[in-house]
């Protein structure tokens, strides 16, 4: 009785302590149920209810059921740190009326959720199943769609689902941050040097609008184009950056030294830059009329700045056997031209392969007339290659002849074996000013505003392809298509996610983006071994429990027999 009372007392004391001290223990190897500090901090600051209406439930295939269960568990993890997380799981297909069900589907698409059309087999019969792997997230009258399935081309479905599960914490937390941020950080597209137009980047800009206040500005040699003057107690004003980051998207005209100086000092004051540079000018427009065109060097007068910061963009073009197919006219029947699709080696498709937050788990990236880059020595700057071409790639120096005739020849794998080549790099650290000893004379009189020779700790991303954020336009009706969608192959690539991750990484001060680098191990059975040894393991699973129980029964029988035999002999002896 004393032991029982002591046990009950210990249980009561533990519960009393637990009521005042909140703690959780995650025993998984990869800490899959431990939220990042940035996520916890954000959740604890919530002052109103965030409601998730998740449409991934019902009679789902096993993989999607796993994603649904993991989403519920992640939301429960969020609820452990705040009472302001609520959710509901709804099956949009749970309506016997076909018209009402289709109306529901149409409404969800209009609200921004993407359906997934699956063919499933049940009891020998095949049927179509429409799934909406997403949620609508609402807060104080605002609502945004949330994608839960991270589609990836040429990837095993199990890996796609695992990557989607890996991204759950970031995607859910990012949606919360998006809705609860009162004042959005400001970023700007730079224009005036022939950059991509507003319509050519409209889908990227629309995605940015969810998180940032986005401007388009021309520098025009004005010191205050990227900064504002602040009064101080001293005799001189100081400059403070207007924008968290700027985007330089495919300039085609040279920057003058004064504008370069403004960008340099923006970086010195801690500003971030996404550089999307085409060192070679090449266009498919000429190939619409002629079978050849030229790729010529594109002098935009940024080479010295980028070299100073630690990167050199090479004046060449990449040819890659892992490439995007393009339609090529091969004949004509009557008045109708006939087209076939051929891999166009000048349009490499990049497969992200590292676990960095910018590219982890991304779909393939489509590019157009891609160039390579190299890093160079820059004290205090850390370099990380984000994207590389495939092993089956090579480079062609500019000026380069671009000829459709290469589509008629079988590629020589020996020639296409020079890769991989780096094409995107992240630079982080403290940068030295590119104008340390050569300030433009026109701006020398403004040094009272504070020339900075060394930057604050900051970062920039350089990608050797300006078209990576350019959306296509519908070929007959002319409206802009989603960034990353290719209207010829009908595939959606990961360009939009890459561009958004790049900006989020540059601008993220909370550390939330680091959650994207989390890796959950996919512990899958060897399917070939399972098929080969299926009968053996079925036999083991059936016979082993029977033999084990029978063996234990026999042992127990013999033990009891021996025990009773000993008792019988003792009684018999005593009677004598």
Protein backbone atom coordinates (compact mmCIF):
# COMPACT_ATOMS: atom_id res chain seq x y z
CA UNK A 1 0.00 0.00 0.00
CA UNK A 2 2.88 2.36 0.75
CA UNK A 3 4.32 1.80 -2.75
CA UNK A 4 0.93 2.45 -4.39
CA UNK A 5 0.42 5.67 -2.45
CA UNK A 6 3.94 6.83 -3.34
CA UNK A 7 3.31 6.13 -7.04
CA UNK A 8 0.03 8.05 -7.01
CA UNK A 9 1.73 10.95 -5.23
CA UNK A 10 4.52 11.10 -7.84
CA UNK A 11 1.96 11.12 -10.71
CA UNK A 12 0.03 13.97 -9.06
CA UNK A 13 3.22 16.01 -8.52
CA UNK A 14 4.35 15.50 -12.15
CA UNK A 15 0.95 16.73 -13.41
CA UNK A 16 1.06 19.78 -11.16
CA UNK A 17 4.56 20.68 -12.39
CA UNK A 18 3.54 20.06 -16.01
CA UNK A 19 0.65 22.50 -15.64
CA UNK A 20 3.14 25.31 -14.97
CA UNK A 21 6.13 24.23 -17.08
CA UNK A 22 5.57 23.59 -20.80
CA UNK A 23 7.98 21.16 -22.43
CA UNK A 24 7.96 18.65 -25.29
CA UNK A 25 10.40 15.84 -26.06
CA UNK A 26 11.05 14.81 -29.67
CA UNK A 27 12.59 11.33 -29.87
CA UNK A 28 12.76 11.11 -33.69
CA UNK A 29 16.26 10.99 -35.25
CA UNK A 30 15.70 13.98 -37.54
CA UNK A 31 13.59 15.92 -34.99
CA UNK A 32 10.61 15.97 -37.33
CA UNK A 33 8.26 17.10 -34.55
CA UNK A 34 10.46 19.96 -33.30
CA UNK A 35 9.48 23.38 -34.62
CA UNK A 36 12.15 25.89 -35.54
CA UNK A 37 12.77 28.72 -33.03
CA UNK A 38 11.57 31.27 -35.61
CA UNK A 39 8.27 29.37 -35.99
CA UNK A 40 7.74 29.15 -32.23
CA UNK A 41 8.47 32.85 -31.81
CA UNK A 42 6.00 33.79 -34.52
CA UNK A 43 3.27 31.52 -33.11
CA UNK A 44 3.61 32.94 -29.61
CA UNK A 45 3.08 36.46 -30.99
CA UNK A 46 -0.28 35.64 -32.62
CA UNK A 47 -3.04 37.82 -31.20
CA UNK A 48 -5.98 36.50 -33.23
CA UNK A 49 -7.19 33.25 -34.75
CA UNK A 50 -5.62 31.84 -37.93
CA UNK A 51 -8.02 29.38 -39.58
CA UNK A 52 -6.85 26.64 -41.96
CA UNK A 53 -9.48 25.01 -44.14
CA UNK A 54 -7.69 21.96 -45.55
CA UNK A 55 -9.19 20.19 -48.57
CA UNK A 56 -6.96 17.11 -48.40
CA UNK A 57 -9.12 14.44 -46.82
CA UNK A 58 -11.56 11.69 -47.75
CA UNK A 59 -10.93 8.47 -49.67
CA UNK A 60 -7.32 9.23 -50.64
CA UNK A 61 -4.49 7.08 -52.01
CA UNK A 62 -1.99 6.05 -49.30
CA UNK A 63 0.61 8.70 -50.21
CA UNK A 64 -1.87 11.57 -50.08
CA UNK A 65 -3.39 10.15 -46.91
CA UNK A 66 0.08 10.34 -45.35
CA UNK A 67 0.41 13.98 -46.46
CA UNK A 68 -3.02 14.70 -44.96
CA UNK A 69 -2.09 13.05 -41.66
CA UNK A 70 1.24 14.89 -41.51
CA UNK A 71 -0.55 18.21 -42.18
CA UNK A 72 -2.93 17.56 -39.29
CA UNK A 73 -0.03 16.63 -37.01
CA UNK A 74 1.92 19.75 -37.97
CA UNK A 75 -1.10 21.95 -37.25
CA UNK A 76 -1.43 20.20 -33.88
CA UNK A 77 2.24 21.02 -33.25
CA UNK A 78 1.44 24.66 -33.97
CA UNK A 79 -1.50 24.51 -31.57
CA UNK A 80 0.81 23.30 -28.81
CA UNK A 81 2.40 26.77 -28.82
CA UNK A 82 -0.70 28.93 -29.31
CA UNK A 83 -4.45 28.75 -28.91
CA UNK A 84 -4.91 30.88 -32.04
CA UNK A 85 -4.55 28.04 -34.56
CA UNK A 86 -7.77 26.41 -35.71
CA UNK A 87 -8.37 24.06 -38.61
CA UNK A 88 -10.96 22.03 -40.43
CA UNK A 89 -10.49 19.21 -42.96
CA UNK A 90 -13.05 19.16 -45.77
CA UNK A 91 -13.52 16.67 -48.61
CA UNK A 92 -14.52 18.69 -51.72
CA UNK A 93 -15.57 15.45 -53.47
CA UNK A 94 -17.99 14.47 -50.72
CA UNK A 95 -21.09 15.49 -52.65
CA UNK A 96 -23.19 12.97 -54.60
CA UNK A 97 -24.55 15.69 -56.87
CA UNK A 98 -22.22 15.99 -59.88
CA UNK A 99 -23.17 19.60 -60.65
CA UNK A 100 -22.65 20.80 -57.07
CA UNK A 101 -19.36 18.91 -56.86
CA UNK A 102 -18.09 20.50 -60.09
CA UNK A 103 -19.20 23.92 -58.85
CA UNK A 104 -17.13 23.34 -55.71
CA UNK A 105 -14.12 22.37 -57.81
CA UNK A 106 -14.50 25.48 -59.96
CA UNK A 107 -14.80 27.74 -56.89
CA UNK A 108 -11.63 26.29 -55.35
CA UNK A 109 -9.70 26.83 -58.60
CA UNK A 110 -10.94 30.43 -58.76
CA UNK A 111 -9.71 30.95 -55.20
CA UNK A 112 -6.23 29.78 -56.17
CA UNK A 113 -6.06 26.07 -55.30
CA UNK A 114 -4.58 23.71 -57.90
CA UNK A 115 -6.28 20.31 -58.43
CA UNK A 116 -4.43 17.04 -59.00
CA UNK A 117 -6.10 14.53 -61.30
CA UNK A 118 -5.28 10.91 -60.44
CA UNK A 119 -6.23 7.56 -61.93
CA UNK A 120 -6.76 4.98 -59.18
CA UNK A 121 -7.49 1.26 -59.34
CA UNK A 122 -9.90 -0.29 -56.89
CA UNK A 123 -10.96 -3.94 -57.04
CA UNK A 124 -9.79 -4.16 -60.64
CA UNK A 125 -11.73 -1.07 -61.76
CA UNK A 126 -10.06 2.18 -62.83
CA UNK A 127 -11.52 5.58 -61.98
CA UNK A 128 -10.58 9.27 -62.00
CA UNK A 129 -10.01 11.02 -58.69
CA UNK A 130 -9.69 14.79 -58.32
CA UNK A 131 -7.73 15.90 -55.26
CA UNK A 132 -7.06 19.41 -53.99
CA UNK A 133 -3.78 19.12 -52.01
CA UNK A 134 -4.08 22.56 -50.49
CA UNK A 135 -5.80 24.79 -47.96
CA UNK A 136 -7.37 28.22 -47.65
CA UNK A 137 -5.86 30.22 -44.79
CA UNK A 138 -7.81 33.13 -43.31
CA UNK A 139 -7.03 35.82 -40.75
CA UNK A 140 -9.00 38.95 -39.85
CA UNK A 141 -10.97 38.96 -43.09
CA UNK A 142 -7.97 38.18 -45.32
CA UNK A 143 -7.61 34.86 -47.12
CA UNK A 144 -4.86 33.22 -49.19
CA UNK A 145 -4.47 29.80 -50.86
CA UNK A 146 -1.78 27.43 -49.60
CA UNK A 147 -0.25 24.69 -51.75
CA UNK A 148 0.67 21.51 -49.83
CA UNK A 149 1.96 19.33 -52.68
CA UNK A 150 5.38 20.35 -54.02
CA UNK A 151 5.27 18.91 -57.55
CA UNK A 152 8.60 17.82 -59.08
CA UNK A 153 9.25 16.62 -62.60
CA UNK A 154 11.00 13.29 -63.14
CA UNK A 155 10.91 12.45 -59.45
CA UNK A 156 9.62 9.33 -57.74
CA UNK A 157 6.10 10.04 -56.32
CA UNK A 158 7.21 8.88 -52.87
CA UNK A 159 10.07 11.39 -52.89
CA UNK A 160 7.71 14.16 -54.06
CA UNK A 161 5.39 13.45 -51.14
CA UNK A 162 8.31 13.28 -48.72
CA UNK A 163 9.61 16.66 -49.96
CA UNK A 164 6.09 18.05 -49.53
CA UNK A 165 6.05 16.81 -45.94
CA UNK A 166 9.50 18.32 -45.36
CA UNK A 167 8.15 21.69 -46.53
CA UNK A 168 5.02 21.64 -44.36
CA UNK A 169 6.36 23.69 -41.45
CA UNK A 170 7.77 26.37 -43.74
CA UNK A 171 4.67 26.55 -45.95
CA UNK A 172 2.25 26.76 -43.03
CA UNK A 173 4.41 29.24 -41.12
CA UNK A 174 4.99 31.31 -44.25
CA UNK A 175 1.23 31.60 -44.79
CA UNK A 176 0.80 32.80 -41.21
CA UNK A 177 3.61 35.33 -41.60
CA UNK A 178 2.10 36.56 -44.86
CA UNK A 179 -1.32 37.20 -43.30
CA UNK A 180 -0.14 38.68 -40.01
CA UNK A 181 2.54 41.07 -41.29
CA UNK A 182 1.10 44.55 -40.87
CA UNK A 183 3.75 46.48 -42.82
CA UNK A 184 5.23 44.65 -45.77
CA UNK A 185 8.93 45.11 -46.55
CA UNK A 186 9.63 47.13 -49.67
CA UNK A 187 11.51 45.76 -52.66
CA UNK A 188 11.98 47.18 -56.16
CA UNK A 189 12.59 46.14 -59.74
CA UNK A 190 15.26 48.33 -61.33
CA UNK A 191 14.41 49.58 -64.83
CA UNK A 192 15.91 51.95 -67.38
CA UNK A 193 18.57 49.66 -68.88
CA UNK A 194 16.30 47.48 -71.02
CA UNK A 195 15.28 45.12 -68.21
CA UNK A 196 12.32 42.77 -68.44
CA UNK A 197 9.08 44.74 -68.69
CA UNK A 198 6.29 44.83 -66.15
CA UNK A 199 4.19 42.41 -68.22
CA UNK A 200 7.10 40.01 -68.65
CA UNK A 201 7.44 39.74 -64.87
CA UNK A 202 3.78 40.18 -63.95
CA UNK A 203 3.32 36.71 -62.42
CA UNK A 204 6.50 36.98 -60.35
CA UNK A 205 5.37 40.42 -59.21
CA UNK A 206 1.92 39.08 -58.26
CA UNK A 207 3.58 36.40 -56.11
CA UNK A 208 5.80 39.01 -54.47
CA UNK A 209 2.76 41.16 -53.68
CA UNK A 210 1.66 38.56 -51.12
CA UNK A 211 4.73 39.28 -49.00
CA UNK A 212 6.20 42.62 -50.09
CA UNK A 213 5.38 46.10 -51.27
CA UNK A 214 6.81 46.09 -54.81
CA UNK A 215 7.95 49.13 -56.83
CA UNK A 216 9.52 49.65 -60.25
CA UNK A 217 12.09 52.43 -60.24
CA UNK A 218 14.62 54.08 -62.53
CA UNK A 219 17.84 55.21 -60.87
CA UNK A 220 18.40 58.25 -63.13
CA UNK A 221 21.60 59.13 -61.25
CA UNK A 222 19.53 60.26 -58.24
CA UNK A 223 21.06 59.54 -54.87
CA UNK A 224 17.59 59.29 -53.32
CA UNK A 225 16.29 56.71 -55.83
CA UNK A 226 17.36 53.89 -53.47
CA UNK A 227 17.67 55.81 -50.21
CA UNK A 228 16.07 58.52 -48.10
CA UNK A 229 17.81 61.34 -46.24
CA UNK A 230 17.53 61.31 -42.48
CA UNK A 231 18.22 64.32 -40.30
CA UNK A 232 20.73 63.78 -37.52
CA UNK A 233 22.05 65.80 -34.60
CA UNK A 234 25.21 66.46 -36.58
CA UNK A 235 25.60 68.94 -39.40
CA UNK A 236 25.20 66.25 -42.08
CA UNK A 237 22.26 64.12 -43.17
CA UNK A 238 22.62 60.35 -43.55
CA UNK A 239 21.22 58.00 -46.14
CA UNK A 240 19.04 55.01 -45.25
CA UNK A 241 17.91 52.39 -47.76
CA UNK A 242 14.31 52.63 -48.95
CA UNK A 243 14.19 48.98 -49.98
CA UNK A 244 15.04 45.68 -48.36
CA UNK A 245 16.14 44.27 -51.74
CA UNK A 246 16.30 45.19 -55.41
CA UNK A 247 15.90 42.98 -58.48
CA UNK A 248 17.96 43.57 -61.61
CA UNK A 249 16.24 41.37 -64.21
CA UNK A 250 17.96 40.93 -67.58
CA UNK A 251 19.35 44.38 -68.39
CA UNK A 252 20.31 44.76 -72.07
CA UNK A 253 21.87 48.26 -71.96
CA UNK A 254 25.03 49.38 -70.10
CA UNK A 255 24.73 50.90 -66.65
CA UNK A 256 26.54 54.21 -66.28
CA UNK A 257 29.02 54.66 -63.46
CA UNK A 258 26.78 56.92 -61.42
CA UNK A 259 23.95 54.38 -61.27
CA UNK A 260 26.43 51.62 -60.49
CA UNK A 261 27.73 53.75 -57.62
CA UNK A 262 24.19 54.06 -56.25
CA UNK A 263 23.73 50.28 -56.35
CA UNK A 264 27.13 49.76 -54.73
CA UNK A 265 26.31 52.07 -51.83
CA UNK A 266 22.88 50.46 -51.48
CA UNK A 267 24.73 47.19 -50.90
CA UNK A 268 27.19 48.85 -48.51
CA UNK A 269 24.25 50.03 -46.40
CA UNK A 270 23.07 46.41 -46.09
CA UNK A 271 20.80 46.18 -49.15
CA UNK A 272 20.27 42.85 -50.91
CA UNK A 273 20.33 42.25 -54.65
CA UNK A 274 18.96 39.54 -56.92
CA UNK A 275 21.08 39.75 -60.07
CA UNK A 276 19.55 38.06 -63.16
CA UNK A 277 22.18 38.61 -65.81
CA UNK A 278 22.45 37.57 -69.47
CA UNK A 279 26.11 38.05 -70.51
CA UNK A 280 25.17 36.84 -74.02
CA UNK A 281 22.31 38.25 -76.06
CA UNK A 282 20.41 35.55 -77.97
CA UNK A 283 16.79 35.42 -79.06
CA UNK A 284 14.41 32.82 -80.42
CA UNK A 285 12.59 35.52 -82.43
CA UNK A 286 15.16 35.33 -85.23
CA UNK A 287 14.77 31.55 -85.37
CA UNK A 288 11.08 31.96 -86.18
CA UNK A 289 12.10 33.25 -89.63
CA UNK A 290 15.59 31.85 -90.15
CA UNK A 291 17.26 28.61 -89.10
CA UNK A 292 20.25 30.41 -87.57
CA UNK A 293 21.00 33.35 -85.32
CA UNK A 294 23.97 34.62 -83.34
CA UNK A 295 24.63 34.78 -79.64
CA UNK A 296 26.63 37.95 -79.12
CA UNK A 297 28.26 39.38 -75.97
CA UNK A 298 25.90 41.61 -74.01
CA UNK A 299 27.99 44.41 -72.48
CA UNK A 300 25.99 45.86 -69.58
CA UNK A 301 29.02 47.27 -67.73
CA UNK A 302 28.48 45.28 -64.52
CA UNK A 303 31.40 42.86 -64.83
CA UNK A 304 33.78 44.89 -62.66
CA UNK A 305 31.23 45.26 -59.84
CA UNK A 306 30.32 41.58 -59.76
CA UNK A 307 34.00 40.59 -59.94
CA UNK A 308 34.72 42.83 -56.97
CA UNK A 309 31.91 41.16 -54.99
CA UNK A 310 33.26 37.68 -55.75
CA UNK A 311 31.67 36.33 -58.96
CA UNK A 312 32.46 36.35 -62.67
CA UNK A 313 29.67 35.75 -65.18
CA UNK A 314 31.19 34.09 -68.24
CA UNK A 315 30.47 35.22 -71.80
CA UNK A 316 29.35 31.83 -73.09
CA UNK A 317 26.25 29.71 -73.65
CA UNK A 318 25.48 26.31 -72.16
CA UNK A 319 24.32 23.36 -74.22
CA UNK A 320 22.78 20.61 -72.09
CA UNK A 321 21.29 17.26 -73.09
CA UNK A 322 18.82 17.69 -70.22
CA UNK A 323 16.91 20.37 -72.07
CA UNK A 324 13.44 21.73 -72.77
CA UNK A 325 11.77 20.48 -75.98
CA UNK A 326 10.66 23.11 -78.51
CA UNK A 327 8.28 22.73 -81.47
CA UNK A 328 9.99 22.63 -84.85
CA UNK A 329 8.16 22.68 -88.18
CA UNK A 330 8.89 19.40 -89.96
CA UNK A 331 6.38 19.50 -92.82
CA UNK A 332 2.98 20.58 -94.02
CA UNK A 333 -0.23 18.75 -94.81
CA UNK A 334 -2.50 20.95 -96.90
CA UNK A 335 -2.54 24.35 -95.21
CA UNK A 336 -1.63 22.92 -91.81
CA UNK A 337 2.04 22.99 -90.74
CA UNK A 338 3.25 19.89 -88.90
CA UNK A 339 5.40 20.24 -85.79
CA UNK A 340 7.54 17.81 -83.84
CA UNK A 341 9.24 18.39 -80.52
CA UNK A 342 13.00 18.24 -80.15
CA UNK A 343 15.23 18.94 -77.15
CA UNK A 344 16.74 22.37 -77.64
CA UNK A 345 20.16 22.15 -75.99
CA UNK A 346 20.32 25.93 -75.49
CA UNK A 347 17.35 25.68 -73.07
CA UNK A 348 18.81 23.61 -70.18
CA UNK A 349 16.49 22.19 -67.53
CA UNK A 350 18.18 22.43 -64.13
CA UNK A 351 17.57 19.88 -61.37
CA UNK A 352 18.28 21.38 -57.90
CA UNK A 353 20.46 18.96 -55.98
CA UNK A 354 21.49 20.59 -52.69
CA UNK A 355 19.57 21.08 -49.45
CA UNK A 356 19.99 24.86 -49.24
CA UNK A 357 16.75 26.72 -48.32
CA UNK A 358 16.65 28.53 -51.68
CA UNK A 359 16.52 25.34 -53.78
CA UNK A 360 15.68 22.46 -51.43
CA UNK A 361 12.91 20.26 -52.85
CA UNK A 362 12.24 22.51 -55.85
CA UNK A 363 10.80 21.33 -59.13
CA UNK A 364 13.05 21.43 -62.22
CA UNK A 365 13.97 24.94 -63.44
CA UNK A 366 13.63 25.90 -67.10
CA UNK A 367 16.13 28.32 -68.59
CA UNK A 368 16.78 30.05 -71.92
CA UNK A 369 20.25 30.71 -73.32
CA UNK A 370 21.93 30.07 -70.01
CA UNK A 371 25.53 31.06 -69.22
CA UNK A 372 28.00 29.86 -66.60
CA UNK A 373 29.65 31.70 -63.73
CA UNK A 374 32.68 31.29 -61.48
CA UNK A 375 33.56 32.61 -58.05
CA UNK A 376 36.69 34.70 -57.45
CA UNK A 377 38.54 35.69 -54.30
CA UNK A 378 36.70 38.24 -52.17
CA UNK A 379 37.74 38.57 -48.54
CA UNK A 380 34.94 38.03 -46.04
CA UNK A 381 32.47 36.65 -48.60
CA UNK A 382 31.05 33.12 -48.42
CA UNK A 383 30.02 31.58 -51.76
CA UNK A 384 27.45 28.82 -52.24
CA UNK A 385 26.58 27.39 -55.64
CA UNK A 386 22.79 27.01 -55.81
CA UNK A 387 22.28 25.58 -59.30
CA UNK A 388 24.40 23.62 -61.74
CA UNK A 389 23.86 22.09 -65.16
CA UNK A 390 23.78 18.33 -65.66
CA UNK A 391 26.88 16.22 -66.23
CA UNK A 392 25.90 16.00 -69.91
CA UNK A 393 26.56 19.61 -70.81
CA UNK A 394 29.14 21.78 -72.51
CA UNK A 395 29.78 25.48 -73.16
CA UNK A 396 30.08 27.51 -76.35
CA UNK A 397 31.98 30.82 -76.28
CA UNK A 398 30.31 33.95 -77.62
CA UNK A 399 29.94 35.08 -80.29
CA UNK A 400 28.27 31.74 -81.01
CA UNK A 401 26.32 30.42 -83.96
CA UNK A 402 22.89 29.13 -82.92
CA UNK A 403 21.63 26.76 -85.58
CA UNK A 404 18.46 24.65 -85.63
CA UNK A 405 20.39 22.09 -87.68
CA UNK A 406 21.80 20.63 -84.46
CA UNK A 407 18.34 19.19 -83.80
CA UNK A 408 18.74 16.85 -86.77
CA UNK A 409 21.87 15.22 -85.39
CA UNK A 410 22.17 12.65 -82.65
CA UNK A 411 24.06 14.22 -79.71
CA UNK A 412 27.55 12.91 -79.05
CA UNK A 413 27.66 12.08 -75.34
CA UNK A 414 31.45 12.33 -75.39
CA UNK A 415 31.18 15.99 -76.39
CA UNK A 416 28.35 16.61 -73.88
CA UNK A 417 30.36 15.40 -70.88
CA UNK A 418 32.05 18.54 -69.62
CA UNK A 419 29.57 19.43 -66.89
CA UNK A 420 28.32 20.20 -64.41
CA UNK A 421 28.76 23.98 -64.64
CA UNK A 422 27.65 26.42 -61.90
CA UNK A 423 25.00 28.89 -63.07
CA UNK A 424 23.68 30.43 -59.83
CA UNK A 425 25.55 31.47 -56.70
CA UNK A 426 24.74 32.95 -53.30
CA UNK A 427 27.22 35.47 -51.86
CA UNK A 428 27.06 36.27 -48.13
CA UNK A 429 29.20 38.40 -45.87
CA UNK A 430 30.80 41.83 -45.88
CA UNK A 431 31.56 43.24 -49.32
CA UNK A 432 34.20 45.81 -50.20
CA UNK A 433 32.90 48.75 -52.24
CA UNK A 434 33.62 48.57 -55.96
CA UNK A 435 34.35 52.33 -55.73
CA UNK A 436 36.79 52.26 -52.86
CA UNK A 437 39.35 54.40 -54.73
CA UNK A 438 37.40 55.55 -57.78
CA UNK A 439 34.29 57.55 -56.89
CA UNK A 440 32.66 59.06 -60.00
CA UNK A 441 33.53 62.79 -60.22
CA UNK A 442 29.86 63.67 -60.65
CA UNK A 443 29.12 62.27 -57.19
CA UNK A 444 32.27 63.38 -55.40
CA UNK A 445 30.48 66.43 -54.03
CA UNK A 446 27.93 64.29 -52.22
CA UNK A 447 30.40 62.44 -50.00
CA UNK A 448 29.01 64.37 -47.06
CA UNK A 449 26.12 61.90 -47.19
CA UNK A 450 28.53 59.19 -46.12
CA UNK A 451 30.53 57.00 -48.48
CA UNK A 452 30.80 53.47 -47.10
CA UNK A 453 33.89 51.46 -48.09
CA UNK A 454 32.78 48.19 -46.43
CA UNK A 455 29.26 46.84 -46.31
CA UNK A 456 27.22 45.70 -43.40
CA UNK A 457 26.75 41.93 -43.36
CA UNK A 458 24.47 41.31 -46.31
CA UNK A 459 23.89 38.90 -49.20
CA UNK A 460 23.15 38.71 -52.89
CA UNK A 461 22.24 36.03 -55.43
CA UNK A 462 23.60 35.99 -58.98
CA UNK A 463 21.90 33.86 -61.67
CA UNK A 464 23.37 33.74 -65.17
CA UNK A 465 19.99 33.81 -66.91
CA UNK A 466 17.62 36.78 -66.99
CA UNK A 467 14.76 34.78 -68.48
CA UNK A 468 14.42 32.65 -65.39
CA UNK A 469 11.75 35.09 -64.04
CA UNK A 470 10.13 35.83 -67.41
CA UNK A 471 6.62 34.48 -67.91
CA UNK A 472 5.42 33.29 -71.30
CA UNK A 473 2.44 34.80 -73.13
CA UNK A 474 -0.37 32.76 -74.60
CA UNK A 475 0.60 32.30 -78.26
CA UNK A 476 -2.87 33.09 -79.68
CA UNK A 477 -4.56 35.36 -77.11
CA UNK A 478 -1.49 37.14 -75.75
CA UNK A 479 -2.24 37.11 -72.02
CA UNK A 480 0.61 36.35 -69.57
CA UNK A 481 0.92 32.78 -68.30
CA UNK A 482 2.06 31.69 -64.82
CA UNK A 483 5.80 31.90 -64.28
CA UNK A 484 7.37 28.52 -64.92
CA UNK A 485 4.55 27.22 -67.11
CA UNK A 486 5.60 26.12 -70.59
CA UNK A 487 2.67 26.25 -72.99
CA UNK A 488 4.30 23.90 -75.49
CA UNK A 489 5.07 20.97 -73.17
CA UNK A 490 2.15 21.82 -70.81
CA UNK A 491 4.50 21.44 -67.85
CA UNK A 492 4.95 23.73 -64.88
CA UNK A 493 8.53 24.20 -63.74
CA UNK A 494 9.82 25.55 -60.43
CA UNK A 495 10.87 29.02 -61.63
CA UNK A 496 8.35 30.89 -59.51
CA UNK A 497 9.27 28.96 -56.36
CA UNK A 498 12.97 29.55 -57.05
CA UNK A 499 12.48 33.30 -57.53
CA UNK A 500 10.30 33.59 -54.42
CA UNK A 501 12.71 31.54 -52.31
CA UNK A 502 15.60 33.72 -53.48
CA UNK A 503 13.85 36.94 -52.42
CA UNK A 504 12.55 35.40 -49.18
CA UNK A 505 16.06 34.23 -48.29
CA UNK A 506 17.56 37.63 -49.02
CA UNK A 507 14.91 39.52 -47.06
CA UNK A 508 14.20 37.11 -44.21
CA UNK A 509 15.34 38.52 -40.88
CA UNK A 510 13.45 36.03 -38.73
CA UNK A 511 15.29 32.92 -39.92
CA UNK A 512 12.04 31.27 -41.00
CA UNK A 513 13.41 30.44 -44.47
CA UNK A 514 16.01 28.15 -42.85
CA UNK A 515 13.22 25.67 -42.12
CA UNK A 516 13.24 24.77 -45.83
CA UNK A 517 16.60 23.01 -45.43
CA UNK A 518 15.18 20.46 -43.00
CA UNK A 519 15.54 16.91 -44.30
CA UNK A 520 13.24 14.04 -43.34
CA UNK A 521 14.65 10.65 -44.25
CA UNK A 522 12.47 8.62 -46.58
CA UNK A 523 12.60 5.12 -45.11
CA UNK A 524 11.28 3.07 -48.00
CA UNK A 525 11.40 -0.68 -48.50
CA UNK A 526 13.48 -2.06 -51.36
CA UNK A 527 10.68 -2.81 -53.87
CA UNK A 528 12.81 -5.29 -55.86
CA UNK A 529 13.75 -7.21 -52.72
CA UNK A 530 10.14 -7.12 -51.49
CA UNK A 531 8.91 -8.67 -54.74
CA UNK A 532 11.65 -11.30 -54.76
CA UNK A 533 11.24 -12.35 -51.12
CA UNK A 534 7.50 -11.80 -50.78
CA UNK A 535 6.55 -15.50 -50.33
CA UNK A 536 9.36 -16.13 -47.84
CA UNK A 537 8.30 -13.28 -45.55
CA UNK A 538 4.62 -14.13 -45.89
CA UNK A 539 5.46 -17.67 -44.79
CA UNK A 540 7.54 -16.38 -41.88
CA UNK A 541 4.74 -14.04 -40.76
CA UNK A 542 2.18 -16.84 -40.86
CA UNK A 543 4.18 -19.77 -39.43
CA UNK A 544 6.47 -18.04 -36.93
CA UNK A 545 3.70 -16.83 -34.56
CA UNK A 546 2.06 -20.29 -34.66
CA UNK A 547 5.36 -22.09 -34.00
CA UNK A 548 6.28 -19.61 -31.27
CA UNK A 549 2.98 -19.99 -29.44
CA UNK A 550 3.05 -23.77 -29.89
CA UNK A 551 6.62 -23.92 -28.57
CA UNK A 552 5.77 -21.80 -25.54
CA UNK A 553 2.74 -24.00 -24.90
CA UNK A 554 4.83 -27.15 -25.03
CA UNK A 555 7.45 -25.67 -22.70
CA UNK A 556 4.77 -24.62 -20.24
CA UNK A 557 3.17 -28.08 -20.47
CA UNK A 558 6.44 -29.86 -19.69
CA UNK A 559 7.24 -27.49 -16.84
CA UNK A 560 3.84 -28.08 -15.26
CA UNK A 561 4.17 -31.83 -15.81
CA UNK A 562 7.54 -31.87 -14.07
CA UNK A 563 6.22 -29.74 -11.22
CA UNK A 564 3.19 -31.98 -10.62
CA UNK A 565 5.34 -35.08 -10.97
CA UNK A 566 7.65 -33.80 -8.21
CA UNK A 567 4.67 -33.04 -5.95
CA UNK A 568 3.22 -36.52 -6.61
CA UNK A 569 6.53 -38.18 -5.70
CA UNK A 570 6.75 -36.11 -2.49
CA UNK A 571 3.19 -37.04 -1.42
CA UNK A 572 3.82 -40.69 -2.25
CA UNK A 573 7.01 -40.71 -0.19
CA UNK A 574 5.32 -39.11 2.81
CA UNK A 575 2.56 -41.75 2.76
CA UNK A 576 5.16 -44.46 3.02
